[in-house]
Structures are given as C-alpha cells and as structure tokens.
C-alpha cells in the first residue's frame, strides 16, 4: 500500500517540493506573434505568400506553426490559435555524484543505480543493447560532449527548435535533457560512469527549451512531428503542464495535440510521456487536464522508487516498485510505471547523508554562458534527480530494446508488448496502469 502520510507531506509542503528536483514543470502564457494555423489544403508557400513566416511545417498532421501579425493570420480565413509560450522548470536543486565504487558490471557507479538493478538491465543486454533503435529526446538538450553520451547522440539529426541560436546536441537548455538521455543510452562499455537501458541505441536531441526556460507548445508539437519524420522508434517527452483547465486548452489545441500525436504513432513513433509530479489524481480531477500525457496515443509513465536504498540498514521502507510520493496517478492517465526515484521527506529536510540514494543517478551536463548569454560549453558530471521525468525514459529505453530485436513492430505493437509483460507493482492500478516496466520479460516474449 502507498504510504499516504508521505504523499500528503510532499503535496502540502511547498518549500520541500520547491527544493528538490522532481523533474520538469511547465507553465504557459499566450504568444502575441506566433500562431498555430490549420493547414487545410494549403502548402507552406501558400501561407508565406499571405505574409507569414512558417516556423514549422506540420501539414502532415494538419497544421503550420507561423509567425507574424494576427491580422495576416486572420486574413488566411483558416482556423488558428495563439501559440502557448512555455516556461520550463527542471528543478531547483540536484544532488551531484562524485563517488566511485566497484561494480558487477564495468560501470563504476552501477551499484548506485537501483533503477537499472530492479529492471535487471544486465540480463536484458545479454539479448540486445538497443542497437539499431532511434530515440528522440524532446527536452532541454542532450550533450553530445558528455563522455557517457558521445557514442549515442546523432549530431546531424539533432535540431534546436528554439530561436536562441545556440545549436543542438548540447546542454544549452540546461542539465535536464542530458539526464533523461543518459537514462536511455548512457555508455556501458567505457568503464566509467553509469549505464543506460539501451546504450546501443541512437539518441536524437530535439531541444525545445532555451537557457532562459523558454519554449512553446507549437515547437513541442513540431518536435513530435519531426521525430516521426526521421523514423524515430520512440520520442520521449519528460515535460508537461498541469493543471490545465480543459476549457482554456480549447477544442482547437485539443484537436491539434491529438492530431500530431496520432500522426507520430501512425508513423511508428512511440510517445513516452511523464505523467507529472503533483501527487494529483488525474482520474478524478474533473475540469482539469495534464498535457501532453493525456493526449491521444500517449504512453503515460508514472514514477516509482525505494526508500532506504543504500542507507546501510537492512531492508527498505518502500520497495523500488512502490509509487513515488509525488507522482501523478489515475487509470485514465497511467499506461505503465517505471523507476523515477522516491525519498523520505523527513530525511531530506534533515539533510541526512544518504536520503538521495533513492533518487535516480545518471548523466548531467552543467552549461556555462558568457556575459552576453552565448553558450560556452558544459561540464559533464553525474547527478541524482527524481521525477516522472526520470520514469518516462526508462520506458523509452525498454521500447528501444524491443525495437532492436523486433524492428518490424509498429508503435502499437511495442506498447502492447510492454503492457502485456509488465510486472505487478506495489499499490493499485491507478499508480501502475498495466504494470511496472519489465524489459527482460518483454524481450523473452519476442
């Protein structure tokens, strides 16, 4: 059973929630010069002829993201809505790792990776390491210069969807994306650092957030469409907005979100999406919605984690497959659960030395900028972070392993296999959906 007292402590303690990086949070406001325009039968050149700049061509999914005066948009006589500007908060505190330890594998920090241990990733690697699979990371940037990520990032396909001019395949948008990318594909053959679920897979950085935290709903949709166009097997979105009033989202944006996500799925791209970190019951929240994880074809992933891992005591207060105290839940929103990290709020508040071992350890890169805001590079390191942001890429990695072994499977077939082979998790279906992700079980059924 879930320890309700711990969940309630986190939910009502704003100071504690603000002090721990529990993954990504996005807030939104309307843009005044960027719009999502229904494509109908128009081409990009048709739209540009109307005096608008096409920021992203989503016409295969039925839309264009355009920039210009609203009067020019109105003149097209097409349906449209202002783009939603997003502000990204990847957490205000992290716990950096500076320890080395002996390992059962060749990666010195593997003994601290309870998330990979509970999924038995070394056994999965006896079948495949994810070779041939492609995973798009729609986030704040995946640093190709990190020694545990350099082998995986396809710099040629990586795209900066923001307008900050800082390039792609880097950490210009912050450390969050490199942590997510490492959970999927951190190198298991360099005898350094950590291991990812599918280290043989290729990563494509789709950077949708800038250093200032800025992005937009439209460019997130553009990144999803792009992921499908480059034949990504999986696109991971460790981001989301909640609570969004259903009425404010509107029928236009609801339709656009579902259209783009359905398009990606039809092209074979599985969408793994974090469910959010508000300890909210998404099944019974009435007039509110969590996006994009409640959109069409989403594989919504909730977070689990232990309490007591590596504390030096016998046993655990909470099992690794028990719901994390911050995770959103609800049978309508959760497809699978996966390791995202948990913690004891009292131990964290008291700053006991090993409370953070229950978070998820993986790669990060800390960006630096000059006085003019130009990206200078990043310092590669490792950090413990918790959140559904960390849970979603665990499922993305599992899907990459499946696609490596069964490249002809479509997105729906991969999702069905992962759901069918998922393990029973501690707690009810509202926390786990079809169950706790089980990469070994999925591979054994192929």
Protein backbone atom coordinates (compact mmCIF):
# COMPACT_ATOMS: atom_id res chain seq x y z
CA UNK A 1 0.00 0.00 0.00
CA UNK A 2 1.07 3.59 -0.58
CA UNK A 3 2.20 5.50 2.48
CA UNK A 4 -0.36 8.26 2.37
CA UNK A 5 1.33 10.28 5.08
CA UNK A 6 4.46 10.72 2.96
CA UNK A 7 2.43 11.67 -0.11
CA UNK A 8 0.49 14.26 1.85
CA UNK A 9 3.65 15.73 3.39
CA UNK A 10 5.06 16.39 -0.08
CA UNK A 11 1.82 17.63 -1.57
CA UNK A 12 1.27 20.28 1.06
CA UNK A 13 4.86 21.29 1.72
CA UNK A 14 5.64 23.82 -0.98
CA UNK A 15 9.07 24.59 0.40
CA UNK A 16 10.12 20.97 0.24
CA UNK A 17 8.67 20.44 -3.21
CA UNK A 18 10.48 23.52 -4.48
CA UNK A 19 13.77 22.38 -3.00
CA UNK A 20 14.06 19.03 -4.74
CA UNK A 21 14.38 18.42 -8.45
CA UNK A 22 11.39 16.21 -9.12
CA UNK A 23 11.56 16.51 -12.88
CA UNK A 24 10.04 19.02 -15.26
CA UNK A 25 7.28 21.53 -14.68
CA UNK A 26 5.93 23.81 -17.41
CA UNK A 27 3.84 26.95 -17.05
CA UNK A 28 2.18 28.65 -20.00
CA UNK A 29 1.11 32.00 -21.46
CA UNK A 30 -0.25 33.01 -24.88
CA UNK A 31 2.08 34.34 -27.58
CA UNK A 32 1.23 37.59 -29.38
CA UNK A 33 3.06 36.94 -32.64
CA UNK A 34 3.17 33.17 -33.12
CA UNK A 35 0.15 31.06 -34.04
CA UNK A 36 -0.86 27.52 -34.80
CA UNK A 37 -2.77 27.61 -38.09
CA UNK A 38 -4.88 24.82 -39.53
CA UNK A 39 -3.33 23.74 -42.82
CA UNK A 40 -6.40 22.55 -44.72
CA UNK A 41 -5.15 22.14 -48.32
CA UNK A 42 -2.55 24.91 -48.19
CA UNK A 43 1.19 24.50 -48.70
CA UNK A 44 3.91 26.32 -46.78
CA UNK A 45 4.48 28.55 -49.79
CA UNK A 46 0.77 29.45 -49.82
CA UNK A 47 0.99 30.54 -46.19
CA UNK A 48 4.19 32.53 -46.76
CA UNK A 49 2.52 34.24 -49.69
CA UNK A 50 0.00 35.57 -47.17
CA UNK A 51 2.82 37.42 -45.39
CA UNK A 52 3.50 34.87 -42.66
CA UNK A 53 6.73 33.09 -41.73
CA UNK A 54 6.39 29.32 -41.39
CA UNK A 55 8.26 28.37 -38.23
CA UNK A 56 7.38 24.68 -38.54
CA UNK A 57 5.58 22.73 -41.23
CA UNK A 58 3.23 20.30 -39.52
CA UNK A 59 0.99 19.94 -42.55
CA UNK A 60 1.22 16.14 -42.49
CA UNK A 61 -0.60 16.39 -39.18
CA UNK A 62 -2.82 19.25 -40.39
CA UNK A 63 -1.12 22.44 -39.11
CA UNK A 64 1.50 25.12 -39.59
CA UNK A 65 3.28 26.99 -36.82
CA UNK A 66 3.53 30.54 -38.15
CA UNK A 67 4.91 33.89 -37.05
CA UNK A 68 3.50 37.28 -37.98
CA UNK A 69 0.73 39.75 -37.31
CA UNK A 70 -2.59 38.35 -36.18
CA UNK A 71 -4.33 40.43 -38.86
CA UNK A 72 -2.39 38.47 -41.50
CA UNK A 73 -3.33 35.21 -39.83
CA UNK A 74 -6.98 36.24 -39.81
CA UNK A 75 -6.74 37.10 -43.49
CA UNK A 76 -5.98 33.47 -44.34
CA UNK A 77 -9.53 32.67 -43.16
CA UNK A 78 -8.24 29.48 -41.58
CA UNK A 79 -8.81 28.36 -38.02
CA UNK A 80 -5.98 29.36 -35.71
CA UNK A 81 -4.98 29.95 -32.09
CA UNK A 82 -2.12 31.84 -30.43
CA UNK A 83 0.86 29.63 -29.67
CA UNK A 84 1.29 28.88 -25.97
CA UNK A 85 4.63 30.05 -24.64
CA UNK A 86 6.08 27.61 -22.12
CA UNK A 87 8.38 28.30 -19.21
CA UNK A 88 10.39 25.26 -18.15
CA UNK A 89 11.48 24.47 -14.60
CA UNK A 90 13.61 21.37 -14.41
CA UNK A 91 14.08 21.59 -10.66
CA UNK A 92 16.00 23.99 -8.47
CA UNK A 93 18.17 21.52 -6.61
CA UNK A 94 20.04 18.39 -7.54
CA UNK A 95 22.48 16.13 -5.74
CA UNK A 96 25.68 15.67 -7.71
CA UNK A 97 27.61 12.42 -7.61
CA UNK A 98 31.34 12.31 -7.02
CA UNK A 99 31.75 8.72 -5.85
CA UNK A 100 33.28 5.68 -7.48
CA UNK A 101 32.52 2.11 -6.46
CA UNK A 102 33.34 -1.42 -7.51
CA UNK A 103 30.80 -2.82 -9.94
CA UNK A 104 29.32 -6.10 -11.05
CA UNK A 105 29.46 -4.51 -14.50
CA UNK A 106 32.23 -2.35 -15.89
CA UNK A 107 30.48 0.88 -14.94
CA UNK A 108 31.76 2.10 -11.57
CA UNK A 109 28.51 3.76 -10.50
CA UNK A 110 26.23 0.86 -11.43
CA UNK A 111 25.93 -0.27 -7.76
CA UNK A 112 24.19 3.05 -7.08
CA UNK A 113 21.72 2.59 -9.95
CA UNK A 114 18.87 0.81 -8.17
CA UNK A 115 16.68 1.68 -11.18
CA UNK A 116 18.74 -0.46 -13.56
CA UNK A 117 19.17 -3.19 -10.98
CA UNK A 118 15.43 -3.59 -10.36
CA UNK A 119 14.88 -3.86 -14.13
CA UNK A 120 17.75 -6.38 -14.44
CA UNK A 121 19.28 -4.43 -17.29
CA UNK A 122 22.47 -6.57 -17.49
CA UNK A 123 20.29 -9.61 -18.28
CA UNK A 124 18.44 -7.62 -20.95
CA UNK A 125 21.80 -6.77 -22.51
CA UNK A 126 22.52 -10.46 -22.99
CA UNK A 127 19.85 -10.24 -25.72
CA UNK A 128 20.36 -6.70 -27.02
CA UNK A 129 21.81 -3.35 -26.07
CA UNK A 130 19.37 -1.50 -28.30
CA UNK A 131 21.43 -1.49 -31.47
CA UNK A 132 19.58 -0.08 -34.46
CA UNK A 133 16.91 1.73 -32.43
CA UNK A 134 16.49 5.52 -32.55
CA UNK A 135 15.15 7.58 -29.64
CA UNK A 136 14.31 11.28 -29.88
CA UNK A 137 14.72 13.24 -26.64
CA UNK A 138 12.35 16.24 -26.67
CA UNK A 139 13.76 18.26 -23.81
CA UNK A 140 16.33 20.88 -22.81
CA UNK A 141 19.20 19.36 -24.79
CA UNK A 142 21.32 16.20 -24.79
CA UNK A 143 25.02 16.95 -24.52
CA UNK A 144 26.97 15.04 -27.18
CA UNK A 145 30.19 16.13 -25.45
CA UNK A 146 29.43 14.12 -22.31
CA UNK A 147 31.74 11.07 -22.27
CA UNK A 148 28.84 8.78 -21.39
CA UNK A 149 26.63 10.16 -24.21
CA UNK A 150 29.06 10.95 -27.05
CA UNK A 151 28.72 7.46 -28.52
CA UNK A 152 24.93 7.74 -28.84
CA UNK A 153 23.98 11.26 -29.96
CA UNK A 154 23.37 11.75 -33.68
CA UNK A 155 24.50 15.33 -34.09
CA UNK A 156 23.48 15.53 -37.74
CA UNK A 157 19.82 14.79 -36.99
CA UNK A 158 19.68 16.80 -33.76
CA UNK A 159 17.72 20.06 -34.00
CA UNK A 160 17.38 23.20 -31.92
CA UNK A 161 13.68 24.06 -32.15
CA UNK A 162 14.08 27.22 -30.08
CA UNK A 163 15.07 30.59 -31.51
CA UNK A 164 18.04 31.07 -29.17
CA UNK A 165 20.65 30.34 -31.87
CA UNK A 166 22.68 28.13 -29.51
CA UNK A 167 22.64 24.98 -31.64
CA UNK A 168 21.70 21.40 -30.77
CA UNK A 169 23.26 18.26 -29.30
CA UNK A 170 24.34 20.34 -26.34
CA UNK A 171 23.21 21.36 -22.86
CA UNK A 172 22.30 24.95 -23.81
CA UNK A 173 18.82 24.49 -22.35
CA UNK A 174 20.04 23.05 -19.04
CA UNK A 175 21.08 19.75 -17.48
CA UNK A 176 17.68 18.03 -17.55
CA UNK A 177 17.83 16.61 -21.09
CA UNK A 178 21.24 15.02 -20.56
CA UNK A 179 19.93 13.20 -17.51
CA UNK A 180 16.95 11.92 -19.49
CA UNK A 181 19.20 10.90 -22.40
CA UNK A 182 21.57 9.06 -20.07
CA UNK A 183 18.74 7.02 -18.57
CA UNK A 184 18.05 5.77 -22.09
CA UNK A 185 21.54 5.29 -23.50
CA UNK A 186 24.48 6.04 -21.17
CA UNK A 187 27.52 4.07 -22.33
CA UNK A 188 28.04 0.64 -20.77
CA UNK A 189 31.38 -0.05 -22.50
CA UNK A 190 33.64 2.80 -21.40
CA UNK A 191 34.32 1.54 -17.86
CA UNK A 192 33.28 4.91 -16.48
CA UNK A 193 30.18 6.50 -15.06
CA UNK A 194 26.77 4.86 -15.36
CA UNK A 195 24.78 2.59 -17.65
CA UNK A 196 21.65 3.29 -19.69
CA UNK A 197 18.86 0.87 -20.50
CA UNK A 198 19.66 0.82 -24.24
CA UNK A 199 23.26 2.02 -24.65
CA UNK A 200 23.39 0.72 -28.21
CA UNK A 201 20.52 2.96 -29.30
CA UNK A 202 20.92 6.24 -31.13
CA UNK A 203 19.76 9.48 -29.49
CA UNK A 204 18.46 12.50 -31.38
CA UNK A 205 18.42 15.75 -29.44
CA UNK A 206 15.24 17.72 -30.12
CA UNK A 207 15.85 20.79 -27.98
CA UNK A 208 12.65 22.68 -27.25
CA UNK A 209 13.75 24.75 -24.24
CA UNK A 210 16.33 27.52 -24.06
CA UNK A 211 18.60 28.52 -21.23
CA UNK A 212 16.01 31.06 -20.12
CA UNK A 213 13.47 28.26 -19.84
CA UNK A 214 11.53 29.43 -22.88
CA UNK A 215 9.80 27.28 -25.45
CA UNK A 216 6.33 26.91 -26.85
CA UNK A 217 3.54 24.41 -27.28
CA UNK A 218 3.91 24.76 -31.02
CA UNK A 219 7.57 23.78 -31.13
CA UNK A 220 6.90 20.78 -28.88
CA UNK A 221 4.35 19.68 -31.49
CA UNK A 222 6.95 20.39 -34.20
CA UNK A 223 9.49 18.21 -32.39
CA UNK A 224 6.98 15.36 -32.13
CA UNK A 225 6.26 15.58 -35.86
CA UNK A 226 9.98 15.77 -36.66
CA UNK A 227 10.66 12.68 -34.57
CA UNK A 228 8.19 10.78 -36.73
CA UNK A 229 9.65 12.19 -39.94
CA UNK A 230 13.15 10.92 -39.07
CA UNK A 231 11.75 7.48 -38.24
CA UNK A 232 12.43 7.64 -34.52
CA UNK A 233 11.22 4.45 -32.86
CA UNK A 234 10.49 6.37 -29.67
CA UNK A 235 10.11 10.03 -28.75
CA UNK A 236 10.44 10.81 -25.06
CA UNK A 237 8.75 13.86 -23.56
CA UNK A 238 9.76 14.36 -19.94
CA UNK A 239 7.72 17.54 -19.74
CA UNK A 240 4.17 18.61 -19.17
CA UNK A 241 1.75 21.18 -17.84
CA UNK A 242 -0.75 20.63 -15.01
CA UNK A 243 -3.35 21.63 -14.00
CA UNK A 244 -4.61 22.96 -17.32
CA UNK A 245 -8.35 23.82 -17.32
CA UNK A 246 -9.98 21.82 -20.11
CA UNK A 247 -11.85 24.91 -21.29
CA UNK A 248 -8.69 27.01 -21.56
CA UNK A 249 -7.00 24.32 -23.63
CA UNK A 250 -9.91 24.63 -26.01
CA UNK A 251 -11.11 22.39 -28.76
CA UNK A 252 -8.54 23.81 -31.21
CA UNK A 253 -5.47 22.90 -29.19
CA UNK A 254 -7.01 19.64 -28.04
CA UNK A 255 -7.54 18.68 -31.66
CA UNK A 256 -4.04 19.84 -32.67
CA UNK A 257 -2.36 17.88 -29.88
CA UNK A 258 -4.27 14.72 -30.67
CA UNK A 259 -3.69 15.09 -34.42
CA UNK A 260 0.08 15.46 -34.11
CA UNK A 261 0.40 12.64 -31.58
CA UNK A 262 -1.77 10.35 -33.70
CA UNK A 263 0.35 11.21 -36.75
CA UNK A 264 3.54 10.26 -34.90
CA UNK A 265 2.05 6.99 -33.73
CA UNK A 266 0.89 6.16 -37.26
CA UNK A 267 4.47 6.64 -38.47
CA UNK A 268 5.76 4.13 -35.93
CA UNK A 269 6.99 6.53 -33.24
CA UNK A 270 6.02 5.54 -29.70
CA UNK A 271 5.48 8.54 -27.40
CA UNK A 272 6.65 8.01 -23.82
CA UNK A 273 5.49 10.89 -21.65
CA UNK A 274 5.87 11.75 -17.97
CA UNK A 275 2.58 12.00 -16.07
CA UNK A 276 3.72 14.82 -13.76
CA UNK A 277 4.83 15.41 -10.21
CA UNK A 278 1.85 16.96 -8.44
CA UNK A 279 0.65 13.92 -6.45
CA UNK A 280 -2.60 14.52 -8.34
CA UNK A 281 -5.40 12.09 -9.09
CA UNK A 282 -5.79 12.62 -12.84
CA UNK A 283 -8.77 10.28 -12.92
CA UNK A 284 -10.91 12.46 -10.66
CA UNK A 285 -9.66 16.00 -11.30
CA UNK A 286 -12.91 16.96 -13.05
CA UNK A 287 -12.31 20.01 -15.26
CA UNK A 288 -8.52 19.81 -15.40
CA UNK A 289 -6.17 18.01 -17.75
CA UNK A 290 -2.47 17.15 -17.79
CA UNK A 291 -0.80 17.67 -21.18
CA UNK A 292 0.65 16.16 -23.26
CA UNK A 293 0.39 12.85 -21.36
CA UNK A 294 -3.40 12.84 -21.60
CA UNK A 295 -3.26 13.32 -25.37
CA UNK A 296 -4.02 10.62 -27.92
CA UNK A 297 -1.59 7.68 -28.20
CA UNK A 298 0.46 8.75 -25.17
CA UNK A 299 2.26 6.13 -23.12
CA UNK A 300 1.87 7.90 -19.79
CA UNK A 301 4.52 6.90 -17.26
CA UNK A 302 4.22 7.29 -13.50
CA UNK A 303 7.16 7.14 -11.11
CA UNK A 304 8.17 4.56 -8.52
CA UNK A 305 11.09 4.35 -6.14
CA UNK A 306 12.50 2.85 -3.00
CA UNK A 307 13.01 4.45 0.36
CA UNK A 308 16.11 3.23 2.17
CA UNK A 309 18.30 2.10 -0.75
CA UNK A 310 21.94 2.20 0.29
CA UNK A 311 21.21 3.71 3.69
CA UNK A 312 23.11 0.95 5.43
CA UNK A 313 20.03 -0.52 7.10
CA UNK A 314 18.65 -3.98 6.43
CA UNK A 315 15.70 -3.92 4.08
CA UNK A 316 13.77 -0.99 2.60
CA UNK A 317 10.99 1.17 3.97
CA UNK A 318 9.47 1.19 0.47
CA UNK A 319 10.10 -1.21 -2.42
CA UNK A 320 11.58 0.06 -5.71
CA UNK A 321 8.25 -0.57 -7.47
CA UNK A 322 6.17 1.39 -4.94
CA UNK A 323 4.62 4.69 -6.14
CA UNK A 324 6.77 7.75 -5.54
CA UNK A 325 5.17 10.21 -3.16
CA UNK A 326 5.00 12.99 -5.78
CA UNK A 327 3.78 11.03 -8.82
CA UNK A 328 0.52 11.82 -10.56
CA UNK A 329 -1.78 8.84 -10.92
CA UNK A 330 -5.10 7.71 -12.38
CA UNK A 331 -6.15 4.80 -14.54
CA UNK A 332 -7.02 7.12 -17.44
CA UNK A 333 -3.53 8.67 -17.50
CA UNK A 334 -1.03 5.98 -16.48
CA UNK A 335 -0.04 3.35 -19.03
CA UNK A 336 2.98 1.98 -17.17
CA UNK A 337 5.04 2.75 -14.09
CA UNK A 338 8.83 2.90 -14.04
CA UNK A 339 11.70 3.91 -11.74
CA UNK A 340 11.65 7.67 -11.22
CA UNK A 341 13.03 7.94 -7.68
CA UNK A 342 11.48 8.49 -4.28
CA UNK A 343 12.66 9.80 -0.91
CA UNK A 344 11.72 10.26 2.70
CA UNK A 345 10.69 13.92 3.12
CA UNK A 346 11.79 13.99 6.76
CA UNK A 347 15.23 12.60 5.88
CA UNK A 348 15.57 15.08 3.01
CA UNK A 349 14.57 18.01 5.21
CA UNK A 350 17.07 16.91 7.84
CA UNK A 351 19.68 16.50 5.06
CA UNK A 352 20.61 13.01 6.15
CA UNK A 353 23.59 11.97 4.07
CA UNK A 354 22.11 9.09 2.05
CA UNK A 355 18.46 10.05 1.52
CA UNK A 356 19.20 10.95 -2.11
CA UNK A 357 20.34 7.40 -2.94
CA UNK A 358 16.63 6.75 -3.58
CA UNK A 359 16.66 9.22 -6.48
CA UNK A 360 17.83 8.25 -9.98
CA UNK A 361 21.55 8.57 -10.72
CA UNK A 362 22.64 9.39 -14.25
CA UNK A 363 24.44 11.85 -16.52
CA UNK A 364 24.10 15.61 -16.49
CA UNK A 365 25.98 18.45 -18.15
CA UNK A 366 26.07 21.84 -16.45
CA UNK A 367 26.06 24.64 -19.05
CA UNK A 368 28.05 27.85 -18.91
CA UNK A 369 27.47 31.14 -20.77
CA UNK A 370 29.36 34.37 -21.31
CA UNK A 371 28.08 37.78 -20.23
CA UNK A 372 26.13 38.08 -23.49
CA UNK A 373 24.35 34.79 -22.95
CA UNK A 374 26.35 32.84 -25.53
CA UNK A 375 26.73 29.14 -24.79
CA UNK A 376 30.35 28.28 -23.97
CA UNK A 377 30.00 24.56 -23.35
CA UNK A 378 29.15 22.38 -20.38
CA UNK A 379 30.79 20.48 -17.58
CA UNK A 380 29.92 16.77 -17.75
CA UNK A 381 29.15 15.06 -14.46
CA UNK A 382 26.54 12.86 -12.75
CA UNK A 383 23.57 13.62 -10.54
CA UNK A 384 20.70 12.11 -8.60
CA UNK A 385 17.32 13.52 -9.68
CA UNK A 386 13.77 12.30 -9.06
CA UNK A 387 10.59 12.70 -11.07
CA UNK A 388 8.27 11.22 -13.63
CA UNK A 389 10.79 12.88 -15.96
CA UNK A 390 13.16 10.09 -14.95
CA UNK A 391 10.49 7.38 -15.24
CA UNK A 392 9.43 8.07 -18.85
CA UNK A 393 12.90 7.42 -20.38
CA UNK A 394 13.09 4.09 -18.56
CA UNK A 395 10.13 3.02 -20.72
CA UNK A 396 11.66 4.67 -23.78
CA UNK A 397 14.79 2.58 -23.21
CA UNK A 398 12.75 -0.60 -22.83
CA UNK A 399 10.95 0.19 -26.09
CA UNK A 400 14.31 0.72 -27.81
CA UNK A 401 15.43 -2.75 -26.68
CA UNK A 402 12.26 -4.25 -28.14
CA UNK A 403 12.66 -2.39 -31.45
CA UNK A 404 16.27 -3.52 -31.66
CA UNK A 405 15.14 -7.15 -31.58
CA UNK A 406 11.88 -6.67 -33.49
CA UNK A 407 12.36 -3.74 -35.91
CA UNK A 408 9.17 -4.55 -37.85
CA UNK A 409 6.90 -3.98 -34.87
CA UNK A 410 4.84 -0.79 -35.05
CA UNK A 411 4.29 1.61 -32.15
CA UNK A 412 1.02 0.00 -31.06
CA UNK A 413 2.59 -3.46 -31.05
CA UNK A 414 5.53 -2.27 -28.95
CA UNK A 415 3.18 -0.63 -26.46
CA UNK A 416 1.02 -3.76 -26.30
CA UNK A 417 4.07 -5.93 -25.62
CA UNK A 418 5.35 -3.66 -22.85
CA UNK A 419 1.90 -3.59 -21.23
CA UNK A 420 1.36 -7.34 -21.57
CA UNK A 421 4.70 -8.24 -19.99
CA UNK A 422 4.71 -5.57 -17.25
CA UNK A 423 5.16 -6.79 -13.70
CA UNK A 424 2.72 -6.28 -10.85
CA UNK A 425 3.70 -3.17 -8.91
CA UNK A 426 3.21 -2.35 -5.25
CA UNK A 427 -0.08 -0.47 -4.97
CA UNK A 428 -3.14 -0.26 -7.22
CA UNK A 429 -3.68 0.04 -10.97
CA UNK A 430 -4.18 3.77 -10.60
CA UNK A 431 -0.44 4.02 -9.92
CA UNK A 432 0.83 1.44 -12.39
CA UNK A 433 -1.65 1.18 -15.25
CA UNK A 434 -0.81 -2.14 -16.88
CA UNK A 435 2.12 -2.62 -14.53
CA UNK A 436 5.76 -1.92 -13.74
CA UNK A 437 8.00 -1.88 -16.82
CA UNK A 438 9.77 -5.20 -17.38
CA UNK A 439 12.35 -5.08 -20.21
CA UNK A 440 13.57 -8.64 -19.68
CA UNK A 441 10.03 -10.01 -19.76
CA UNK A 442 9.29 -8.11 -22.97
CA UNK A 443 12.41 -9.47 -24.69
CA UNK A 444 11.68 -13.00 -23.56
CA UNK A 445 8.30 -12.90 -25.29
CA UNK A 446 9.72 -11.92 -28.67
